[in-house]
Amino acid sequence: MNDVKKLSGKKIRTIPISNEEWNKHLIAMINSGVEPELLEFFHQLKDERDEYRILVDITNSVLAHLDRDGMVAAISEDIHRYFAIPSVSIAFLDGGNAVHFPVIHCLWKEGKGNYCEQKNYPLAESDIQNRLQHPQAVALNAETTEPLLHDLYSVGMQVALLLPLTFNSHSPGILILAHTDIGAFTPAVCSLLGQIASRISIGVDNSNAWNEITRLKDALKQENTWLNEQIQNAESLNDIIFQSTAMKNLLRQVEIVATSDSTVLLLGETGTGKELIARAIHKLSPRSAGPLVKINCAAIPASLLESDLFGHEKGAFTGATSTHIGRFEMAKGGTLFLDEIGDMPLELQPKLLRVLQEREIERVGGHQVIPVNVRVVAATNRNLKQMVEEKTFRSDLFYRLNVFPVEVPPLRDRPEDIPPLVTSFTRKLAARMNKTIDTVPAAGIQALCRYPWPGNARELQNVIERAVILTEGSTLNLQLNELKIPPAAAPIATVHVTPRKLPAMFNPQTPENDDDERARILQALRETNGIVAGPKGAANKLGLKRTTLLSRMQRLGINTREL
């Protein structure tokens, strides 16, 4: 007899007995005058052997594939080989989409082989879910109202057998077998196909689980990428350093708009710190517990920007091997920062407008409408009004973005912010490079205040970074020859701004001038009787290192002997 074994817990194998061997046994039994009852039993064993072989082969095909396309193609090939059924389809009803359900069709044509394709059918126009209760054969004709069955009729099928795929008390889909012969599905064939459907149910359920794991893995990978971007680009909110009236006025606007959920448009030259302002808006908003997701519309090719924003479904285009979650879905419950919005391709702008108006998206290659709960902050260094006049930016999108415009002033219009920025950049970059730099030449700061800074704060940071790299001692080695700074017409007076009560993240930092610093050091030295080092020394009292205090005393001309 045919022996059925389970090997390694993975696949089921049979030790096949060929038809020739069965026929030899049958002829020998007939020649030996075996009773008809025994011959009938022998035929029954042969039929059972054939059924086992079919079930084992199809089970192996199911276990060998986790992806839907490969599984359906393998199952279709087995069913066609054993039953000559020309059309095999599986409808996936896993509840993942309330609008459409996918069906993978495999059609066999005489002499041309087979081809498989996936098609989505509208759930509202289909009664496919009502057919999940019992297996049923349906005669096909031109009047069939079911879109899926009508498509089968249009390729020459006359009858379809619908077999629910039930596993663990739920139905992940339906196996649909169609034939050109109206009498193809006999009771015996239907019985065996029912057993096949129960095995396919396990495969479909596993495939759905694998798709969900793949989706979550893709989402986690994208989230990790986003978190790495945040870690690399993150600036402390306390790094909004200012002492100018222009920045005070700007941050008042930030405080006001942050508490609303309105779209904000940040305008300003490159390098002015628009991303820092976007972070501040998010941090002060009711959405601060949610993610802040950034996308640079100028850094992503136009062909990929739509997928990056809205996501795409598996198979939407060549290379789309899995479902991709876009930035709008990643920013759920938080803020989406659209940087360089002026560089968004014109053909993509209507889709962004629809999202802003309807608060819903559709992934590329998908038909499901996905609601999004996102606050949008956009930024650009381009003149959008002029672009609207030149027809290179849609006017309706501009008006939708321009709900609350915020102009970030350039650095040349707020030179009083340069000294604290220089101090902050020096401290951070020196710490990053494991250097101790505690002195910035006053003449260098005055020269920096005279420069127009076309690259704004970003250019200033680059100049300071170069100076820190070249510094070998404790005094910042500024290299200003390449900046072509105009000569000073008169000494620049320090601008003092009375601080208004703002959040801690907006505390202005006023630099200490030499006279104030000299007076503070002298007072500490008098209180410690001229002792510089030690637990009772002036350095400890001032919160400075001994070498730092000695360096400042030397620069300011302070001698303990003169106290």
Protein backbone atom coordinates (compact mmCIF):
# COMPACT_ATOMS: atom_id res chain seq x y z
CA MET A 1 0.00 0.00 0.00
CA ASN A 2 0.90 3.55 -0.38
CA ASP A 3 2.81 4.80 2.67
CA VAL A 4 2.20 8.41 3.86
CA LYS A 5 4.85 9.91 6.15
CA LYS A 6 5.57 13.30 7.70
CA LEU A 7 9.22 14.22 7.39
CA SER A 8 11.07 16.90 9.45
CA GLY A 9 7.77 18.55 10.34
CA LYS A 10 7.90 20.54 7.12
CA LYS A 11 6.72 18.58 4.10
CA ILE A 12 4.67 15.43 3.57
CA ARG A 13 6.14 12.91 1.17
CA THR A 14 4.72 9.76 -0.40
CA ILE A 15 6.50 6.60 -1.47
CA PRO A 16 4.83 6.38 -4.87
CA ILE A 17 3.61 3.21 -6.49
CA SER A 18 3.32 3.78 -10.23
CA ASN A 19 0.19 3.05 -12.24
CA GLU A 20 2.10 0.35 -14.08
CA GLU A 21 2.70 -1.46 -10.79
CA TRP A 22 -0.98 -1.16 -9.85
CA ASN A 23 -1.99 -2.52 -13.27
CA LYS A 24 0.36 -5.48 -12.90
CA HIS A 25 -1.19 -6.29 -9.53
CA LEU A 26 -4.67 -5.92 -11.02
CA ILE A 27 -3.95 -8.25 -13.98
CA ALA A 28 -2.39 -10.83 -11.68
CA MET A 29 -5.45 -10.74 -9.43
CA ILE A 30 -7.85 -11.13 -12.37
CA ASN A 31 -5.87 -14.05 -13.80
CA SER A 32 -5.86 -15.76 -10.43
CA GLY A 33 -9.67 -15.62 -10.24
CA VAL A 34 -9.97 -13.10 -7.39
CA GLU A 35 -13.48 -12.38 -6.13
CA PRO A 36 -15.22 -9.24 -7.53
CA GLU A 37 -15.49 -7.80 -3.99
CA LEU A 38 -11.73 -7.97 -3.64
CA LEU A 39 -11.25 -6.30 -7.02
CA GLU A 40 -13.61 -3.52 -5.97
CA PHE A 41 -11.63 -3.06 -2.76
CA PHE A 42 -8.44 -2.96 -4.81
CA HIS A 43 -9.89 -0.20 -7.02
CA GLN A 44 -10.96 1.69 -3.90
CA LEU A 45 -7.42 1.53 -2.55
CA LYS A 46 -6.11 2.85 -5.85
CA ASP A 47 -8.55 5.79 -5.75
CA GLU A 48 -7.59 6.57 -2.15
CA ARG A 49 -3.93 6.43 -3.13
CA ASP A 50 -4.53 8.92 -5.94
CA GLU A 51 -6.45 11.24 -3.61
CA TYR A 52 -3.68 11.11 -1.01
CA ARG A 53 -1.11 11.91 -3.68
CA ILE A 54 -3.11 14.93 -4.82
CA LEU A 55 -3.65 16.16 -1.24
CA VAL A 56 0.03 15.70 -0.38
CA ASP A 57 1.26 17.52 -3.47
CA ILE A 58 -1.09 20.46 -2.93
CA THR A 59 -0.21 20.59 0.78
CA ASN A 60 3.46 20.79 -0.16
CA SER A 61 2.70 23.61 -2.59
CA VAL A 62 0.82 25.47 0.14
CA LEU A 63 3.63 25.02 2.68
CA ALA A 64 6.33 26.04 0.20
CA HIS A 65 5.02 29.58 -0.33
CA LEU A 66 4.21 32.40 2.06
CA ASP A 67 3.65 35.12 -0.52
CA ARG A 68 0.21 35.15 -2.12
CA ASP A 69 1.36 35.26 -5.74
CA GLY A 70 3.68 32.27 -5.46
CA MET A 71 1.19 30.22 -3.45
CA VAL A 72 -1.72 30.78 -5.86
CA ALA A 73 0.48 30.05 -8.89
CA ALA A 74 1.69 26.75 -7.38
CA ILE A 75 -1.81 25.68 -6.30
CA SER A 76 -3.19 26.56 -9.72
CA GLU A 77 -0.58 24.42 -11.42
CA ASP A 78 -1.38 21.39 -9.24
CA ILE A 79 -5.16 21.73 -9.62
CA HIS A 80 -4.85 22.10 -13.39
CA ARG A 81 -2.57 19.06 -13.62
CA TYR A 82 -4.88 16.79 -11.61
CA PHE A 83 -8.31 18.09 -12.56
CA ALA A 84 -7.76 19.95 -15.88
CA ILE A 85 -9.55 22.98 -14.40
CA PRO A 86 -8.63 26.00 -16.57
CA SER A 87 -9.34 28.79 -14.08
CA VAL A 88 -8.18 28.95 -10.43
CA SER A 89 -8.72 32.07 -8.33
CA ILE A 90 -8.49 33.00 -4.65
CA ALA A 91 -10.37 35.94 -3.18
CA PHE A 92 -8.67 37.28 -0.05
CA LEU A 93 -11.19 38.46 2.53
CA ASP A 94 -8.97 39.10 5.52
CA GLY A 95 -10.71 42.29 6.66
CA GLY A 96 -7.73 44.48 5.85
CA ASN A 97 -9.70 46.70 3.48
CA ALA A 98 -13.31 47.76 3.92
CA VAL A 99 -13.63 49.08 0.36
CA HIS A 100 -12.02 46.53 -1.98
CA PHE A 101 -10.89 42.93 -1.80
CA PRO A 102 -8.05 41.48 -3.91
CA VAL A 103 -8.44 38.41 -6.13
CA ILE A 104 -5.55 36.56 -7.80
CA HIS A 105 -6.64 34.86 -11.04
CA CYS A 106 -4.69 32.10 -12.79
CA LEU A 107 -6.04 31.17 -16.21
CA TRP A 108 -4.87 28.26 -18.37
CA LYS A 109 -5.20 28.44 -22.14
CA GLU A 110 -4.70 25.48 -24.40
CA GLY A 111 -1.25 25.57 -25.94
CA LYS A 112 -0.40 28.94 -24.37
CA GLY A 113 0.30 27.98 -20.76
CA ASN A 114 -1.04 30.05 -17.90
CA TYR A 115 -0.88 33.59 -16.68
CA CYS A 116 -1.76 35.07 -13.27
CA GLU A 117 -2.93 38.57 -12.39
CA GLN A 118 -4.30 40.36 -9.36
CA LYS A 119 -7.39 42.50 -9.54
CA ASN A 120 -9.28 44.45 -6.87
CA TYR A 121 -13.07 44.28 -6.74
CA PRO A 122 -15.36 46.77 -4.96
CA LEU A 123 -16.83 45.17 -1.87
CA ALA A 124 -20.02 47.23 -2.04
CA GLU A 125 -20.90 45.81 -5.49
CA SER A 126 -20.19 42.20 -4.52
CA ASP A 127 -22.10 39.60 -2.51
CA ILE A 128 -18.98 37.46 -2.25
CA GLN A 129 -19.09 37.48 1.56
CA ASN A 130 -22.59 35.97 1.48
CA ARG A 131 -21.11 32.90 -0.21
CA LEU A 132 -18.85 32.07 2.74
CA GLN A 133 -21.33 29.75 4.46
CA HIS A 134 -21.44 26.71 2.17
CA PRO A 135 -19.67 25.47 -0.99
CA GLN A 136 -21.77 26.12 -4.07
CA ALA A 137 -21.55 25.76 -7.83
CA VAL A 138 -22.79 28.74 -9.85
CA ALA A 139 -23.72 28.69 -13.51
CA LEU A 140 -22.23 31.68 -15.31
CA ASN A 141 -23.94 33.80 -17.93
CA ALA A 142 -23.90 37.30 -19.30
CA GLU A 143 -26.50 38.46 -16.74
CA THR A 144 -24.27 37.65 -13.75
CA THR A 145 -24.27 40.70 -11.49
CA GLU A 146 -21.26 39.63 -9.44
CA PRO A 147 -18.29 41.51 -11.03
CA LEU A 148 -15.85 38.70 -10.23
CA LEU A 149 -18.05 35.97 -11.80
CA HIS A 150 -18.82 38.19 -14.78
CA ASP A 151 -15.08 38.46 -15.49
CA LEU A 152 -14.84 34.66 -15.48
CA TYR A 153 -17.75 34.41 -17.93
CA SER A 154 -16.08 36.94 -20.20
CA VAL A 155 -13.07 34.59 -20.66
CA GLY A 156 -15.26 31.61 -21.62
CA MET A 157 -16.03 29.96 -18.29
CA GLN A 158 -19.51 28.38 -17.94
CA VAL A 159 -19.61 27.25 -14.31
CA ALA A 160 -17.79 28.23 -11.12
CA LEU A 161 -17.37 26.33 -7.86
CA LEU A 162 -16.97 28.55 -4.78
CA LEU A 163 -15.29 26.88 -1.81
CA PRO A 164 -15.00 28.92 1.41
CA LEU A 165 -11.55 28.83 3.01
CA THR A 166 -12.23 28.44 6.72
CA PHE A 167 -9.52 28.25 9.35
CA ASN A 168 -9.70 28.77 13.12
CA SER A 169 -13.39 29.77 13.00
CA HIS A 170 -12.84 32.56 10.49
CA SER A 171 -12.79 32.69 6.69
CA PRO A 172 -9.72 34.37 5.19
CA GLY A 173 -10.95 33.91 1.62
CA ILE A 174 -12.71 31.86 -1.07
CA LEU A 175 -11.28 29.38 -3.58
CA ILE A 176 -13.00 29.91 -6.93
CA LEU A 177 -12.62 27.20 -9.58
CA ALA A 178 -14.15 27.79 -13.02
CA HIS A 179 -14.58 25.49 -16.00
CA THR A 180 -15.78 25.66 -19.59
CA ASP A 181 -17.68 22.37 -19.08
CA ILE A 182 -20.93 22.92 -17.18
CA GLY A 183 -20.83 19.32 -15.84
CA ALA A 184 -17.23 19.35 -14.67
CA PHE A 185 -17.92 19.55 -10.95
CA THR A 186 -19.37 16.14 -10.04
CA PRO A 187 -20.11 15.28 -6.37
CA ALA A 188 -16.96 13.13 -6.15
CA VAL A 189 -14.79 15.92 -7.58
CA CYS A 190 -16.42 18.50 -5.30
CA SER A 191 -15.75 16.31 -2.26
CA LEU A 192 -12.04 16.05 -3.04
CA LEU A 193 -11.82 19.77 -3.89
CA GLY A 194 -13.40 20.51 -0.50
CA GLN A 195 -10.55 18.65 1.21
CA ILE A 196 -8.09 20.62 -0.92
CA ALA A 197 -9.78 23.89 0.14
CA SER A 198 -9.29 23.04 3.83
CA ARG A 199 -5.54 22.73 3.25
CA ILE A 200 -5.41 25.91 1.20
CA SER A 201 -7.17 27.70 4.10
CA ILE A 202 -4.13 27.11 6.28
CA GLY A 203 -1.84 28.51 3.59
CA VAL A 204 -4.00 31.60 3.06
CA ASP A 205 -4.11 32.28 6.80
CA ASN A 206 -0.33 31.87 7.00
CA SER A 207 0.08 34.17 4.01
CA ASN A 208 -2.09 36.83 5.62
CA ALA A 209 -0.04 36.58 8.82
CA TRP A 210 3.19 36.80 6.82
CA ASN A 211 1.91 39.87 4.95
CA GLU A 212 1.04 41.53 8.26
CA ILE A 213 4.48 40.72 9.68
CA THR A 214 6.09 42.10 6.52
CA ARG A 215 3.99 45.26 6.79
CA LEU A 216 4.92 45.76 10.43
CA LYS A 217 8.56 45.06 9.66
CA ASP A 218 8.48 47.65 6.88
CA ALA A 219 6.78 50.13 9.19
CA LEU A 220 9.36 49.47 11.92
CA LYS A 221 12.19 49.88 9.43
CA GLN A 222 10.79 53.21 8.27
CA GLU A 223 10.23 54.32 11.85
CA ASN A 224 13.82 53.43 12.72
CA THR A 225 15.01 55.41 9.71
CA TRP A 226 12.91 58.35 10.85
CA LEU A 227 14.19 58.08 14.44
CA ASN A 228 17.79 57.99 13.20
CA GLU A 229 17.09 61.13 11.19
CA GLN A 230 15.66 62.75 14.29
CA ILE A 231 18.69 61.77 16.37
CA GLN A 232 21.11 63.06 13.75
CA ASN A 233 19.23 66.29 13.09
CA ALA A 234 17.78 66.94 16.53
CA GLU A 235 18.56 70.25 18.10
CA SER A 236 17.62 71.02 21.66
CA LEU A 237 14.76 73.47 21.86
CA ASN A 238 16.98 75.51 24.12
CA ASP A 239 19.20 76.08 21.08
CA ILE A 240 16.87 78.77 19.77
CA ILE A 241 19.34 81.43 20.89
CA PHE A 242 18.48 85.09 20.45
CA GLN A 243 18.47 88.50 22.01
CA SER A 244 17.00 90.50 19.13
CA THR A 245 13.59 92.11 18.99
CA ALA A 246 12.92 90.47 15.61
CA MET A 247 13.27 86.96 17.08
CA LYS A 248 11.20 87.91 20.14
CA ASN A 249 8.35 88.95 17.84
CA LEU A 250 8.71 85.76 15.82
CA LEU A 251 8.54 83.53 18.89
CA ARG A 252 5.44 85.34 20.12
CA GLN A 253 3.77 84.26 16.88
CA VAL A 254 5.03 80.70 17.42
CA GLU A 255 3.48 80.62 20.88
CA ILE A 256 0.14 81.80 19.52
CA VAL A 257 -0.15 79.46 16.52
CA ALA A 258 1.28 76.38 18.26
CA THR A 259 -1.81 75.88 20.39
CA SER A 260 -4.05 75.76 17.31
CA ASP A 261 -4.16 72.99 14.71
CA SER A 262 -3.83 75.30 11.71
CA THR A 263 -1.39 74.81 8.87
CA VAL A 264 1.73 76.98 9.24
CA LEU A 265 3.89 78.25 6.37
CA LEU A 266 7.46 79.18 7.36
CA LEU A 267 9.10 81.64 4.99
CA GLY A 268 12.70 82.69 5.02
CA GLU A 269 16.12 82.39 3.44
CA THR A 270 18.11 79.18 3.57
CA GLY A 271 19.90 78.60 6.85
CA THR A 272 17.69 80.83 8.99
CA GLY A 273 16.53 77.96 11.20
CA LYS A 274 13.07 77.19 9.82
CA GLU A 275 13.32 73.58 10.96
CA LEU A 276 14.05 74.70 14.52
CA ILE A 277 10.93 76.87 14.42
CA ALA A 278 8.90 73.89 13.12
CA ARG A 279 10.18 71.80 16.03
CA ALA A 280 9.20 74.57 18.45
CA ILE A 281 5.67 74.70 17.01
CA HIS A 282 5.34 70.93 17.43
CA LYS A 283 6.80 70.95 20.94
CA LEU A 284 4.40 73.66 22.14
CA SER A 285 1.35 72.12 20.44
CA PRO A 286 -1.17 69.63 21.85
CA ARG A 287 0.39 67.11 19.42
CA SER A 288 3.78 67.17 21.17
CA ALA A 289 3.31 63.58 22.38
CA GLY A 290 3.00 62.44 18.75
CA PRO A 291 5.80 62.15 16.17
CA LEU A 292 7.34 65.00 14.23
CA VAL A 293 8.06 63.59 10.77
CA LYS A 294 10.13 65.54 8.27
CA ILE A 295 10.36 65.23 4.50
CA ASN A 296 12.48 67.37 2.20
CA CYS A 297 10.52 67.83 -1.02
CA ALA A 298 13.64 68.94 -2.90
CA ALA A 299 15.84 66.01 -1.87
CA ILE A 300 13.59 63.20 -3.18
CA PRO A 301 13.18 62.48 -6.94
CA ALA A 302 9.76 63.43 -8.28
CA SER A 303 9.05 59.82 -9.25
CA LEU A 304 9.49 58.66 -5.64
CA LEU A 305 8.06 61.63 -3.74
CA GLU A 306 4.43 60.51 -4.09
CA SER A 307 5.24 57.06 -2.70
CA ASP A 308 7.27 58.58 0.13
CA LEU A 309 4.42 60.91 1.08
CA PHE A 310 1.39 58.67 0.66
CA GLY A 311 2.90 55.14 0.62
CA HIS A 312 2.29 52.42 -1.95
CA GLU A 313 0.70 48.99 -2.16
CA LYS A 314 2.57 45.82 -3.02
CA GLY A 315 2.89 45.47 -6.79
CA ALA A 316 2.02 49.12 -7.44
CA PHE A 317 5.13 49.41 -9.64
CA THR A 318 8.28 47.50 -10.49
CA GLY A 319 10.24 46.89 -7.30
CA ALA A 320 7.26 47.38 -4.95
CA THR A 321 7.68 44.01 -3.27
CA SER A 322 5.77 44.97 -0.13
CA THR A 323 3.33 47.55 1.16
CA HIS A 324 5.05 50.85 2.04
CA ILE A 325 3.71 53.26 4.66
CA GLY A 326 4.10 56.91 3.70
CA ARG A 327 5.09 59.91 5.82
CA PHE A 328 1.47 61.00 6.32
CA GLU A 329 0.66 57.69 8.00
CA MET A 330 3.92 57.76 9.99
CA ALA A 331 2.99 61.20 11.37
CA LYS A 332 -0.38 60.02 12.68
CA GLY A 333 -1.37 62.09 15.70
CA GLY A 334 1.64 64.37 15.28
CA THR A 335 3.13 66.92 12.88
CA LEU A 336 4.39 66.55 9.32
CA PHE A 337 7.08 69.05 8.33
CA LEU A 338 7.18 69.60 4.56
CA ASP A 339 10.53 71.29 3.98
CA GLU A 340 11.23 73.03 0.66
CA ILE A 341 7.55 72.87 -0.32
CA GLY A 342 8.26 75.25 -3.20
CA ASP A 343 10.17 72.44 -4.97
CA MET A 344 7.25 70.02 -4.97
CA PRO A 345 6.45 68.87 -8.56
CA LEU A 346 3.42 70.60 -10.07
CA GLU A 347 1.70 67.28 -10.89
CA LEU A 348 1.84 66.21 -7.23
CA GLN A 349 0.43 69.44 -5.79
CA PRO A 350 -3.29 68.59 -6.40
CA LYS A 351 -2.89 65.38 -4.39
CA LEU A 352 -1.35 67.29 -1.49
CA LEU A 353 -4.18 69.83 -1.69
CA ARG A 354 -6.73 67.03 -1.47
CA VAL A 355 -5.05 65.65 1.65
CA LEU A 356 -5.05 69.07 3.31
CA GLN A 357 -8.73 69.57 2.50
CA GLU A 358 -10.18 66.08 2.97
CA ARG A 359 -7.75 64.72 5.58
CA GLU A 360 -7.47 61.40 3.76
CA ILE A 361 -4.99 59.69 1.42
CA GLU A 362 -4.79 56.80 -1.03
CA ARG A 363 -1.58 54.83 -1.36
CA VAL A 364 -0.02 54.51 -4.81
CA GLY A 365 -1.58 51.51 -6.52
CA GLY A 366 -4.31 51.23 -3.90
CA HIS A 367 -7.99 52.10 -3.74
CA GLN A 368 -8.53 52.22 0.00
CA VAL A 369 -9.21 55.66 1.45
CA ILE A 370 -7.12 56.10 4.61
CA PRO A 371 -8.00 58.93 7.02
CA VAL A 372 -5.04 60.89 8.39
CA ASN A 373 -4.82 62.94 11.56
CA VAL A 374 -1.82 65.18 10.93
CA ARG A 375 -0.89 68.83 11.49
CA VAL A 376 1.11 70.21 8.54
CA VAL A 377 3.94 72.73 8.84
CA ALA A 378 5.52 73.71 5.51
CA ALA A 379 8.66 75.74 4.81
CA THR A 380 10.30 77.28 1.79
CA ASN A 381 13.00 79.77 0.88
CA ARG A 382 11.29 80.59 -2.41
CA ASN A 383 8.81 83.32 -3.27
CA LEU A 384 5.59 81.34 -3.58
CA LYS A 385 3.52 84.37 -4.61
CA GLN A 386 5.80 84.94 -7.57
CA MET A 387 5.71 81.24 -8.41
CA VAL A 388 1.89 81.38 -8.40
CA GLU A 389 2.03 84.27 -10.88
CA GLU A 390 4.46 82.29 -13.04
CA LYS A 391 2.14 79.24 -12.93
CA THR A 392 4.85 77.07 -11.36
CA PHE A 393 2.95 76.68 -8.08
CA ARG A 394 -0.78 76.12 -7.73
CA SER A 395 -2.63 79.09 -6.32
CA ASP A 396 -5.20 76.93 -4.47
CA LEU A 397 -2.44 75.02 -2.70
CA PHE A 398 -0.66 78.26 -1.81
CA TYR A 399 -3.79 79.71 -0.20
CA ARG A 400 -4.37 76.44 1.67
CA LEU A 401 -0.79 76.49 3.03
CA ASN A 402 -0.74 80.22 3.72
CA VAL A 403 -3.22 80.03 6.62
CA PHE A 404 -0.65 81.34 9.11
CA PRO A 405 2.56 82.56 7.43
CA VAL A 406 5.60 83.12 9.63
CA GLU A 407 8.57 85.07 8.27
CA VAL A 408 11.91 84.01 9.77
CA PRO A 409 14.26 87.04 9.63
CA PRO A 410 17.73 86.64 8.09
CA LEU A 411 20.78 86.90 10.32
CA ARG A 412 21.93 90.20 8.79
CA ASP A 413 18.73 91.82 10.09
CA ARG A 414 19.48 90.74 13.66
CA PRO A 415 23.26 91.14 14.18
CA GLU A 416 22.78 91.29 17.97
CA ASP A 417 22.05 87.53 17.80
CA ILE A 418 25.52 86.79 16.39
CA PRO A 419 27.57 86.96 19.65
CA PRO A 420 25.43 84.45 21.58
CA LEU A 421 25.27 82.20 18.50
CA VAL A 422 29.07 82.27 18.19
CA THR A 423 29.43 81.36 21.87
CA SER A 424 26.92 78.51 21.58
CA PHE A 425 28.40 77.07 18.38
CA THR A 426 31.91 77.24 19.84
CA ARG A 427 30.90 75.45 23.03
CA LYS A 428 29.06 72.65 21.20
CA LEU A 429 31.63 72.05 18.50
CA ALA A 430 34.54 72.14 20.94
CA ALA A 431 32.82 69.55 23.13
CA ARG A 432 32.20 67.36 20.07
CA MET A 433 35.89 67.55 19.12
CA ASN A 434 37.12 67.09 22.72
CA LYS A 435 38.69 70.53 22.86
CA THR A 436 38.67 73.20 25.56
CA ILE A 437 37.99 76.62 24.07
CA ASP A 438 36.94 79.26 26.57
CA THR A 439 37.86 82.50 24.79
CA VAL A 440 36.48 84.14 21.66
CA PRO A 441 38.34 87.29 20.56
CA ALA A 442 36.14 90.37 20.89
CA ALA A 443 37.55 91.81 17.66
CA GLY A 444 36.57 88.61 15.85
CA ILE A 445 32.98 88.81 17.11
CA GLN A 446 32.77 92.46 16.02
CA ALA A 447 34.00 91.46 12.56
CA LEU A 448 31.43 88.69 12.35
CA CYS A 449 28.69 91.19 13.20
CA ARG A 450 29.65 93.29 10.17
CA TYR A 451 29.37 90.41 7.70
CA PRO A 452 26.01 90.13 5.80
CA TRP A 453 25.81 86.28 6.12
CA PRO A 454 24.08 85.22 2.90
CA GLY A 455 23.97 81.66 4.29
CA ASN A 456 22.62 82.91 7.64
CA ALA A 457 23.08 80.85 10.82
CA ARG A 458 24.12 77.75 8.88
CA GLU A 459 27.01 79.65 7.28
CA LEU A 460 27.98 81.09 10.66
CA GLN A 461 28.05 77.60 12.16
CA ASN A 462 30.30 76.39 9.33
CA VAL A 463 32.72 79.28 9.92
CA ILE A 464 32.87 78.51 13.64
CA GLU A 465 33.36 74.78 12.96
CA ARG A 466 36.34 75.55 10.74
CA ALA A 467 37.75 77.83 13.45
CA VAL A 468 37.34 75.13 16.11
CA ILE A 469 39.16 72.62 13.89
CA LEU A 470 42.09 75.04 13.48
CA THR A 471 42.21 76.00 17.16
CA GLU A 472 45.12 74.50 19.12
CA GLY A 473 44.87 76.44 22.37
CA SER A 474 41.99 77.79 24.43
CA THR A 475 41.27 80.85 22.23
CA LEU A 476 39.11 80.40 19.14
CA ASN A 477 41.20 80.72 15.97
CA LEU A 478 38.85 82.62 13.66
CA GLN A 479 39.85 82.70 9.98
CA LEU A 480 38.02 85.69 8.50
CA ASN A 481 40.12 86.49 5.43
CA GLU A 482 37.85 84.60 3.04
CA LEU A 483 34.68 86.37 4.23
CA LYS A 484 35.71 89.80 2.85
CA ILE A 485 34.32 91.60 5.87
CA PRO A 486 34.03 95.41 5.44
CA PRO A 487 36.17 97.52 7.80
CA ALA A 488 34.57 98.81 10.97
CA ALA A 489 33.25 102.35 10.76
CA ALA A 490 32.82 102.63 14.53
CA PRO A 491 32.81 100.31 17.53
CA ILE A 492 29.66 98.22 17.70
CA ALA A 493 27.70 98.77 20.88
CA THR A 494 26.28 95.82 22.67
CA VAL A 495 22.53 95.66 22.25
CA HIS A 496 20.62 94.78 25.42
CA VAL A 497 17.07 93.57 25.11
CA THR A 498 14.85 93.36 28.14
CA PRO A 499 13.71 89.74 28.15
CA ARG A 500 9.99 89.08 28.05
CA LYS A 501 8.70 86.08 29.97
CA LEU A 502 8.84 83.26 27.46
CA PRO A 503 8.99 79.46 27.72
CA ALA A 504 12.33 78.06 28.90
CA MET A 505 13.13 77.04 25.34
CA PHE A 506 13.08 80.71 24.29
CA ASN A 507 15.24 82.25 27.04
CA PRO A 508 17.50 84.86 25.41
CA GLN A 509 21.18 84.58 26.23
CA THR A 510 23.05 87.86 26.68
CA PRO A 511 26.85 87.60 26.50
CA GLU A 512 28.93 88.96 29.36
CA ASN A 513 31.26 91.82 28.35
CA ASP A 514 34.89 92.10 29.53
CA ASP A 515 34.21 94.75 32.20
CA ASP A 516 31.48 92.71 33.83
CA GLU A 517 33.59 89.56 33.70
CA ARG A 518 36.62 91.35 35.18
CA ALA A 519 34.53 92.72 38.04
CA ARG A 520 33.03 89.30 38.78
CA ILE A 521 36.46 87.59 38.85
CA LEU A 522 37.97 90.29 41.07
CA GLN A 523 35.08 90.00 43.52
CA ALA A 524 35.56 86.23 43.73
CA LEU A 525 39.31 86.60 44.28
CA ARG A 526 38.77 89.13 47.09
CA GLU A 527 36.28 86.81 48.79
CA THR A 528 38.79 83.92 48.63
CA ASN A 529 41.81 86.05 49.63
CA GLY A 530 43.40 85.62 46.20
CA ILE A 531 43.26 81.80 46.24
CA VAL A 532 42.58 80.52 42.71
CA ALA A 533 42.53 76.70 43.03
CA GLY A 534 41.20 74.24 45.58
CA PRO A 535 37.76 73.72 47.16
CA LYS A 536 37.80 77.23 48.67
CA GLY A 537 39.35 78.90 45.64
CA ALA A 538 37.87 81.43 43.23
CA ALA A 539 37.70 78.91 40.34
CA ASN A 540 35.41 76.63 42.35
CA LYS A 541 33.33 79.62 43.46
CA LEU A 542 32.87 80.75 39.84
CA GLY A 543 32.20 77.22 38.57
CA LEU A 544 35.28 77.25 36.31
CA LYS A 545 38.32 75.08 35.87
CA ARG A 546 41.54 76.40 37.39
CA THR A 547 43.22 76.65 33.97
CA THR A 548 40.17 78.41 32.52
CA LEU A 549 40.17 81.03 35.29
CA LEU A 550 43.94 81.62 34.96
CA SER A 551 43.53 82.06 31.19
CA ARG A 552 40.77 84.63 31.66
CA MET A 553 42.77 86.46 34.34
CA GLN A 554 45.72 86.67 31.95
CA ARG A 555 43.49 87.95 29.14
CA LEU A 556 41.89 90.57 31.39
CA GLY A 557 45.20 91.62 33.01
CA ILE A 558 44.25 90.50 36.56
CA ASN A 559 47.12 89.86 38.98
CA THR A 560 46.44 88.44 42.46
CA ARG A 561 49.44 90.37 43.88
CA GLU A 562 47.64 93.63 43.18
CA LEU A 563 44.56 92.69 45.26
